[in-house]
């Protein structure tokens, strides 16, 4: 489901959700995660969060469950809330508000990137755009390029909402955009960054949320 630039996806099993997260096509901002699935006694939800969203991830996890005895076990993972079923709208709203605030704060922190035998400290505000070619990711900053072996979608997860994954191979910081249309972003240095057809709606929603409009 899509509404106001927000995509909501539902999954019936941990396996399908993990495939969705690992396909490299999307960034997950907030996850509502149950703990037990299909009658299993195993804490599959907690185990999946530990695998997919280690400490330091900007993805915010909210556990929703009918099993209160797992309350202490979830603290082995990074999460922002623990809601017991049945869940009221007020509790959901409060948890989402807290998750959004924490994600914004986390996304502004520096990103440590392994590059050429060194660990480079990359500040989100200095990143103009990034592109991927096969396994290599090139991060173009105000002070030069940083190359590393990292999926573009994984890098996008670490960044603030003003970054738009506008093409399978491109990511752009809206702070440096001077013009845009359906097909491309134009940066301050005149460089054009393509917008793929399948990501046009996402790009448009991001721009409208980022900038004020004069009519």
C-alpha atoms as a PDB file:
ATOM      1  CA  UNK A   1       0.000   0.000   0.000  1.00  0.00           C
ATOM      2  CA  UNK A   2       1.236   3.517  -0.774  1.00  0.00           C
ATOM      3  CA  UNK A   3      -0.042   6.801   0.669  1.00  0.00           C
ATOM      4  CA  UNK A   4       1.530  10.266   0.894  1.00  0.00           C
ATOM      5  CA  UNK A   5       4.956   8.920  -0.005  1.00  0.00           C
ATOM      6  CA  UNK A   6       4.750   6.111   2.581  1.00  0.00           C
ATOM      7  CA  UNK A   7       4.917   2.492   1.444  1.00  0.00           C
ATOM      8  CA  UNK A   8       3.411  -0.121   3.787  1.00  0.00           C
ATOM      9  CA  UNK A   9       4.208  -3.796   3.206  1.00  0.00           C
ATOM     10  CA  UNK A  10       2.841  -6.783   5.127  1.00  0.00           C
ATOM     11  CA  UNK A  11       4.445 -10.234   5.372  1.00  0.00           C
ATOM     12  CA  UNK A  12       3.047 -13.533   6.553  1.00  0.00           C
ATOM     13  CA  UNK A  13       6.360 -15.093   7.515  1.00  0.00           C
ATOM     14  CA  UNK A  14       9.850 -14.174   8.647  1.00  0.00           C
ATOM     15  CA  UNK A  15      11.314 -15.833   5.545  1.00  0.00           C
ATOM     16  CA  UNK A  16       9.457 -13.620   3.053  1.00  0.00           C
ATOM     17  CA  UNK A  17      10.329 -10.519   5.052  1.00  0.00           C
ATOM     18  CA  UNK A  18      14.017 -11.451   5.106  1.00  0.00           C
ATOM     19  CA  UNK A  19      14.015 -11.962   1.335  1.00  0.00           C
ATOM     20  CA  UNK A  20      12.423  -8.546   0.930  1.00  0.00           C
ATOM     21  CA  UNK A  21      15.109  -6.924   3.117  1.00  0.00           C
ATOM     22  CA  UNK A  22      18.015  -8.694   1.438  1.00  0.00           C
ATOM     23  CA  UNK A  23      17.079  -8.096  -2.207  1.00  0.00           C
ATOM     24  CA  UNK A  24      18.856  -4.720  -2.144  1.00  0.00           C
ATOM     25  CA  UNK A  25      15.933  -2.797  -3.600  1.00  0.00           C
ATOM     26  CA  UNK A  26      14.472  -1.064  -0.578  1.00  0.00           C
ATOM     27  CA  UNK A  27      15.171   0.770   2.644  1.00  0.00           C
ATOM     28  CA  UNK A  28      13.111  -0.131   5.694  1.00  0.00           C
ATOM     29  CA  UNK A  29      12.531   2.759   8.087  1.00  0.00           C
ATOM     30  CA  UNK A  30      10.168   1.220  10.649  1.00  0.00           C
ATOM     31  CA  UNK A  31       9.341  -2.437  11.304  1.00  0.00           C
ATOM     32  CA  UNK A  32       6.395  -3.744  13.316  1.00  0.00           C
ATOM     33  CA  UNK A  33       7.637  -7.206  14.265  1.00  0.00           C
ATOM     34  CA  UNK A  34       5.738 -10.030  15.911  1.00  0.00           C
ATOM     35  CA  UNK A  35       7.733 -12.533  17.966  1.00  0.00           C
ATOM     36  CA  UNK A  36       6.182 -15.917  17.208  1.00  0.00           C
ATOM     37  CA  UNK A  37       4.804 -17.083  13.860  1.00  0.00           C
ATOM     38  CA  UNK A  38       2.694 -20.031  12.769  1.00  0.00           C
ATOM     39  CA  UNK A  39       2.324 -21.602  16.199  1.00  0.00           C
ATOM     40  CA  UNK A  40       6.071 -21.965  16.651  1.00  0.00           C
ATOM     41  CA  UNK A  41       7.434 -21.645  20.182  1.00  0.00           C
ATOM     42  CA  UNK A  42      10.652 -20.105  18.865  1.00  0.00           C
ATOM     43  CA  UNK A  43      11.215 -16.351  19.119  1.00  0.00           C
ATOM     44  CA  UNK A  44      11.581 -16.028  15.344  1.00  0.00           C
ATOM     45  CA  UNK A  45      10.884 -12.309  15.313  1.00  0.00           C
ATOM     46  CA  UNK A  46      13.631 -11.486  17.810  1.00  0.00           C
ATOM     47  CA  UNK A  47      16.103 -13.692  15.950  1.00  0.00           C
ATOM     48  CA  UNK A  48      15.254 -12.004  12.639  1.00  0.00           C
ATOM     49  CA  UNK A  49      15.744  -8.509  14.098  1.00  0.00           C
ATOM     50  CA  UNK A  50      19.145  -9.544  15.458  1.00  0.00           C
ATOM     51  CA  UNK A  51      20.196 -10.754  11.982  1.00  0.00           C
ATOM     52  CA  UNK A  52      18.750  -7.946   9.882  1.00  0.00           C
ATOM     53  CA  UNK A  53      19.045  -4.850  12.081  1.00  0.00           C
ATOM     54  CA  UNK A  54      22.154  -4.967  14.300  1.00  0.00           C
ATOM     55  CA  UNK A  55      22.878  -2.211  16.776  1.00  0.00           C
ATOM     56  CA  UNK A  56      23.696   0.987  14.901  1.00  0.00           C
ATOM     57  CA  UNK A  57      21.100   0.374  12.182  1.00  0.00           C
ATOM     58  CA  UNK A  58      18.783   3.328  11.509  1.00  0.00           C
ATOM     59  CA  UNK A  59      15.829   0.961  11.004  1.00  0.00           C
ATOM     60  CA  UNK A  60      13.522   1.300  14.009  1.00  0.00           C
ATOM     61  CA  UNK A  61      11.873  -1.869  15.323  1.00  0.00           C
ATOM     62  CA  UNK A  62       8.594  -1.922  17.227  1.00  0.00           C
ATOM     63  CA  UNK A  63       7.642  -5.323  18.624  1.00  0.00           C
ATOM     64  CA  UNK A  64       3.916  -6.161  18.603  1.00  0.00           C
ATOM     65  CA  UNK A  65       3.011  -9.404  20.328  1.00  0.00           C
ATOM     66  CA  UNK A  66       0.581 -11.295  22.509  1.00  0.00           C
ATOM     67  CA  UNK A  67       3.405 -13.006  24.406  1.00  0.00           C
ATOM     68  CA  UNK A  68       4.390 -10.828  27.363  1.00  0.00           C
ATOM     69  CA  UNK A  69       6.928 -13.358  28.629  1.00  0.00           C
ATOM     70  CA  UNK A  70       9.309 -12.223  25.846  1.00  0.00           C
ATOM     71  CA  UNK A  71       9.457  -8.686  27.198  1.00  0.00           C
ATOM     72  CA  UNK A  72      12.976  -9.088  28.607  1.00  0.00           C
ATOM     73  CA  UNK A  73      14.354 -11.062  25.627  1.00  0.00           C
ATOM     74  CA  UNK A  74      13.739  -8.264  23.147  1.00  0.00           C
ATOM     75  CA  UNK A  75      16.386  -6.178  24.919  1.00  0.00           C
ATOM     76  CA  UNK A  76      19.077  -8.307  23.291  1.00  0.00           C
ATOM     77  CA  UNK A  77      18.151  -6.424  20.100  1.00  0.00           C
ATOM     78  CA  UNK A  78      17.886  -2.780  19.129  1.00  0.00           C
ATOM     79  CA  UNK A  79      14.247  -1.663  19.247  1.00  0.00           C
ATOM     80  CA  UNK A  80      12.162   1.392  20.026  1.00  0.00           C
ATOM     81  CA  UNK A  81       8.952  -0.111  21.415  1.00  0.00           C
ATOM     82  CA  UNK A  82       7.167  -3.188  22.754  1.00  0.00           C
ATOM     83  CA  UNK A  83       3.375  -3.242  22.294  1.00  0.00           C
ATOM     84  CA  UNK A  84       1.066  -5.883  23.733  1.00  0.00           C
ATOM     85  CA  UNK A  85      -1.957  -7.044  21.736  1.00  0.00           C
ATOM     86  CA  UNK A  86      -4.633  -5.838  21.474  1.00  0.00           C
ATOM     87  CA  UNK A  87      -2.998  -2.529  20.578  1.00  0.00           C
ATOM     88  CA  UNK A  88      -4.833   0.797  20.649  1.00  0.00           C
ATOM     89  CA  UNK A  89      -4.321   3.565  18.093  1.00  0.00           C
ATOM     90  CA  UNK A  90      -2.802   5.925  20.666  1.00  0.00           C
ATOM     91  CA  UNK A  91      -0.067   3.421  21.536  1.00  0.00           C
ATOM     92  CA  UNK A  92       0.718   2.906  17.840  1.00  0.00           C
ATOM     93  CA  UNK A  93       0.873   6.654  17.181  1.00  0.00           C
ATOM     94  CA  UNK A  94       3.216   7.219  20.124  1.00  0.00           C
ATOM     95  CA  UNK A  95       5.499   4.370  19.070  1.00  0.00           C
ATOM     96  CA  UNK A  96       5.678   5.616  15.457  1.00  0.00           C
ATOM     97  CA  UNK A  97       6.429   9.186  16.599  1.00  0.00           C
ATOM     98  CA  UNK A  98       9.273   7.943  18.790  1.00  0.00           C
ATOM     99  CA  UNK A  99      10.608   5.732  15.987  1.00  0.00           C
ATOM    100  CA  UNK A 100      10.639   8.623  13.512  1.00  0.00           C
ATOM    101  CA  UNK A 101      12.455  10.879  15.959  1.00  0.00           C
ATOM    102  CA  UNK A 102      15.095   8.264  16.743  1.00  0.00           C
ATOM    103  CA  UNK A 103      15.610   7.451  13.072  1.00  0.00           C
ATOM    104  CA  UNK A 104      16.147  11.129  12.237  1.00  0.00           C
ATOM    105  CA  UNK A 105      18.685  11.496  15.052  1.00  0.00           C
ATOM    106  CA  UNK A 106      20.504   8.289  14.106  1.00  0.00           C
ATOM    107  CA  UNK A 107      20.635   9.116  10.398  1.00  0.00           C
ATOM    108  CA  UNK A 108      22.569  12.353  11.010  1.00  0.00           C
ATOM    109  CA  UNK A 109      25.456  10.538  12.681  1.00  0.00           C
ATOM    110  CA  UNK A 110      28.678   9.899  10.705  1.00  0.00           C
ATOM    111  CA  UNK A 111      28.934   6.692   8.682  1.00  0.00           C
ATOM    112  CA  UNK A 112      32.127   4.632   8.936  1.00  0.00           C
ATOM    113  CA  UNK A 113      33.126   3.256   5.530  1.00  0.00           C
ATOM    114  CA  UNK A 114      35.936   0.791   4.808  1.00  0.00           C
ATOM    115  CA  UNK A 115      37.879   2.114   1.808  1.00  0.00           C
ATOM    116  CA  UNK A 116      41.323   1.190   0.491  1.00  0.00           C
ATOM    117  CA  UNK A 117      42.534  -0.316   3.743  1.00  0.00           C
ATOM    118  CA  UNK A 118      41.325   2.655   5.799  1.00  0.00           C
ATOM    119  CA  UNK A 119      38.112   3.420   7.624  1.00  0.00           C
ATOM    120  CA  UNK A 120      36.714   6.711   6.322  1.00  0.00           C
ATOM    121  CA  UNK A 121      34.367   8.894   8.352  1.00  0.00           C
ATOM    122  CA  UNK A 122      31.603  10.138   6.053  1.00  0.00           C
ATOM    123  CA  UNK A 123      29.250  12.891   7.238  1.00  0.00           C
ATOM    124  CA  UNK A 124      25.798  12.699   5.598  1.00  0.00           C
ATOM    125  CA  UNK A 125      25.705  16.476   5.052  1.00  0.00           C
ATOM    126  CA  UNK A 126      28.845  16.238   2.878  1.00  0.00           C
ATOM    127  CA  UNK A 127      27.533  13.486   0.582  1.00  0.00           C
ATOM    128  CA  UNK A 128      26.226  14.915  -2.696  1.00  0.00           C
ATOM    129  CA  UNK A 129      25.336  11.669  -4.475  1.00  0.00           C
ATOM    130  CA  UNK A 130      26.346   8.039  -4.701  1.00  0.00           C
ATOM    131  CA  UNK A 131      26.367   5.415  -7.421  1.00  0.00           C
ATOM    132  CA  UNK A 132      26.859   1.682  -7.515  1.00  0.00           C
ATOM    133  CA  UNK A 133      28.441  -0.494 -10.181  1.00  0.00           C
ATOM    134  CA  UNK A 134      28.148  -4.191  -9.475  1.00  0.00           C
ATOM    135  CA  UNK A 135      29.642  -4.618  -5.985  1.00  0.00           C
ATOM    136  CA  UNK A 136      31.467  -1.277  -5.869  1.00  0.00           C
ATOM    137  CA  UNK A 137      29.850   1.813  -4.348  1.00  0.00           C
ATOM    138  CA  UNK A 138      31.272   5.270  -5.071  1.00  0.00           C
ATOM    139  CA  UNK A 139      30.255   7.976  -2.592  1.00  0.00           C
ATOM    140  CA  UNK A 140      30.768  11.453  -4.018  1.00  0.00           C
ATOM    141  CA  UNK A 141      31.347  14.002  -1.258  1.00  0.00           C
ATOM    142  CA  UNK A 142      32.233  17.686  -1.226  1.00  0.00           C
ATOM    143  CA  UNK A 143      35.830  16.698  -0.412  1.00  0.00           C
ATOM    144  CA  UNK A 144      36.375  13.853  -2.844  1.00  0.00           C
ATOM    145  CA  UNK A 145      35.194  10.347  -3.654  1.00  0.00           C
ATOM    146  CA  UNK A 146      35.087   7.356  -1.334  1.00  0.00           C
ATOM    147  CA  UNK A 147      34.903   3.866  -2.830  1.00  0.00           C
ATOM    148  CA  UNK A 148      33.775   0.845  -0.868  1.00  0.00           C
ATOM    149  CA  UNK A 149      32.151  -2.562  -1.271  1.00  0.00           C
ATOM    150  CA  UNK A 150      28.617  -1.932  -0.014  1.00  0.00           C
ATOM    151  CA  UNK A 151      25.119  -2.195  -1.454  1.00  0.00           C
ATOM    152  CA  UNK A 152      23.565   1.144  -2.327  1.00  0.00           C
ATOM    153  CA  UNK A 153      20.344   0.235  -0.521  1.00  0.00           C
ATOM    154  CA  UNK A 154      22.290  -0.572   2.644  1.00  0.00           C
ATOM    155  CA  UNK A 155      24.060   2.799   2.471  1.00  0.00           C
ATOM    156  CA  UNK A 156      20.718   4.541   1.918  1.00  0.00           C
ATOM    157  CA  UNK A 157      19.386   2.984   5.133  1.00  0.00           C
ATOM    158  CA  UNK A 158      22.050   4.864   7.104  1.00  0.00           C
ATOM    159  CA  UNK A 159      21.159   8.287   5.734  1.00  0.00           C
ATOM    160  CA  UNK A 160      18.543  10.975   6.494  1.00  0.00           C
ATOM    161  CA  UNK A 161      15.274  11.276   4.591  1.00  0.00           C
ATOM    162  CA  UNK A 162      16.619  14.038   2.335  1.00  0.00           C
ATOM    163  CA  UNK A 163      18.516  11.310   0.446  1.00  0.00           C
ATOM    164  CA  UNK A 164      16.516   9.790  -2.404  1.00  0.00           C
ATOM    165  CA  UNK A 165      17.219   6.367  -3.899  1.00  0.00           C
ATOM    166  CA  UNK A 166      16.035   7.594  -7.293  1.00  0.00           C
ATOM    167  CA  UNK A 167      17.458   4.813  -9.476  1.00  0.00           C
ATOM    168  CA  UNK A 168      18.672   1.278  -8.885  1.00  0.00           C
ATOM    169  CA  UNK A 169      22.238   2.576  -9.192  1.00  0.00           C
ATOM    170  CA  UNK A 170      21.927   6.163  -7.892  1.00  0.00           C
ATOM    171  CA  UNK A 171      21.253   7.995  -4.659  1.00  0.00           C
ATOM    172  CA  UNK A 172      21.059  11.787  -4.364  1.00  0.00           C
ATOM    173  CA  UNK A 173      21.136  14.334  -1.521  1.00  0.00           C
ATOM    174  CA  UNK A 174      18.344  16.865  -2.073  1.00  0.00           C
ATOM    175  CA  UNK A 175      20.468  19.538  -0.376  1.00  0.00           C
ATOM    176  CA  UNK A 176      22.511  19.719  -3.598  1.00  0.00           C
ATOM    177  CA  UNK A 177      19.647  19.578  -6.120  1.00  0.00           C
ATOM    178  CA  UNK A 178      18.939  22.763  -8.086  1.00  0.00           C
ATOM    179  CA  UNK A 179      16.326  21.390 -10.529  1.00  0.00           C
ATOM    180  CA  UNK A 180      14.345  18.213 -11.193  1.00  0.00           C
ATOM    181  CA  UNK A 181      11.785  16.664 -13.519  1.00  0.00           C
ATOM    182  CA  UNK A 182      10.395  13.179 -14.080  1.00  0.00           C
ATOM    183  CA  UNK A 183      13.647  11.899 -15.559  1.00  0.00           C
ATOM    184  CA  UNK A 184      16.485  13.498 -13.612  1.00  0.00           C
ATOM    185  CA  UNK A 185      17.832  15.589 -10.779  1.00  0.00           C
ATOM    186  CA  UNK A 186      20.262  18.390 -11.610  1.00  0.00           C
ATOM    187  CA  UNK A 187      22.916  19.150  -8.996  1.00  0.00           C
ATOM    188  CA  UNK A 188      24.607  22.456  -8.212  1.00  0.00           C
ATOM    189  CA  UNK A 189      27.646  21.475 -10.301  1.00  0.00           C
ATOM    190  CA  UNK A 190      25.444  20.782 -13.347  1.00  0.00           C
ATOM    191  CA  UNK A 191      25.608  16.987 -13.073  1.00  0.00           C
ATOM    192  CA  UNK A 192      22.412  15.128 -13.982  1.00  0.00           C
ATOM    193  CA  UNK A 193      21.346  12.155 -11.851  1.00  0.00           C
ATOM    194  CA  UNK A 194      18.767   9.864 -13.544  1.00  0.00           C
ATOM    195  CA  UNK A 195      15.397   9.009 -12.042  1.00  0.00           C
ATOM    196  CA  UNK A 196      14.104   5.618 -13.132  1.00  0.00           C
ATOM    197  CA  UNK A 197      10.468   5.259 -14.176  1.00  0.00           C
ATOM    198  CA  UNK A 198       9.626   2.928 -11.305  1.00  0.00           C
ATOM    199  CA  UNK A 199      11.011   5.424  -8.756  1.00  0.00           C
ATOM    200  CA  UNK A 200       9.409   8.598 -10.108  1.00  0.00           C
ATOM    201  CA  UNK A 201       6.592   8.617  -7.564  1.00  0.00           C
ATOM    202  CA  UNK A 202       9.022   8.107  -4.686  1.00  0.00           C
ATOM    203  CA  UNK A 203      11.299  10.878  -5.969  1.00  0.00           C
ATOM    204  CA  UNK A 204       8.410  13.303  -6.375  1.00  0.00           C
ATOM    205  CA  UNK A 205       7.062  12.592  -2.904  1.00  0.00           C
ATOM    206  CA  UNK A 206      10.524  13.095  -1.403  1.00  0.00           C
ATOM    207  CA  UNK A 207      10.993  16.461  -3.107  1.00  0.00           C
ATOM    208  CA  UNK A 208       7.545  17.728  -2.099  1.00  0.00           C
ATOM    209  CA  UNK A 209       8.132  16.661   1.508  1.00  0.00           C
ATOM    210  CA  UNK A 210      11.589  18.264   1.525  1.00  0.00           C
ATOM    211  CA  UNK A 211      10.863  21.667  -0.035  1.00  0.00           C
ATOM    212  CA  UNK A 212       8.283  24.393   0.357  1.00  0.00           C
ATOM    213  CA  UNK A 213       6.209  25.139  -2.720  1.00  0.00           C
ATOM    214  CA  UNK A 214       5.314  28.606  -3.992  1.00  0.00           C
ATOM    215  CA  UNK A 215       2.030  28.736  -5.944  1.00  0.00           C
END
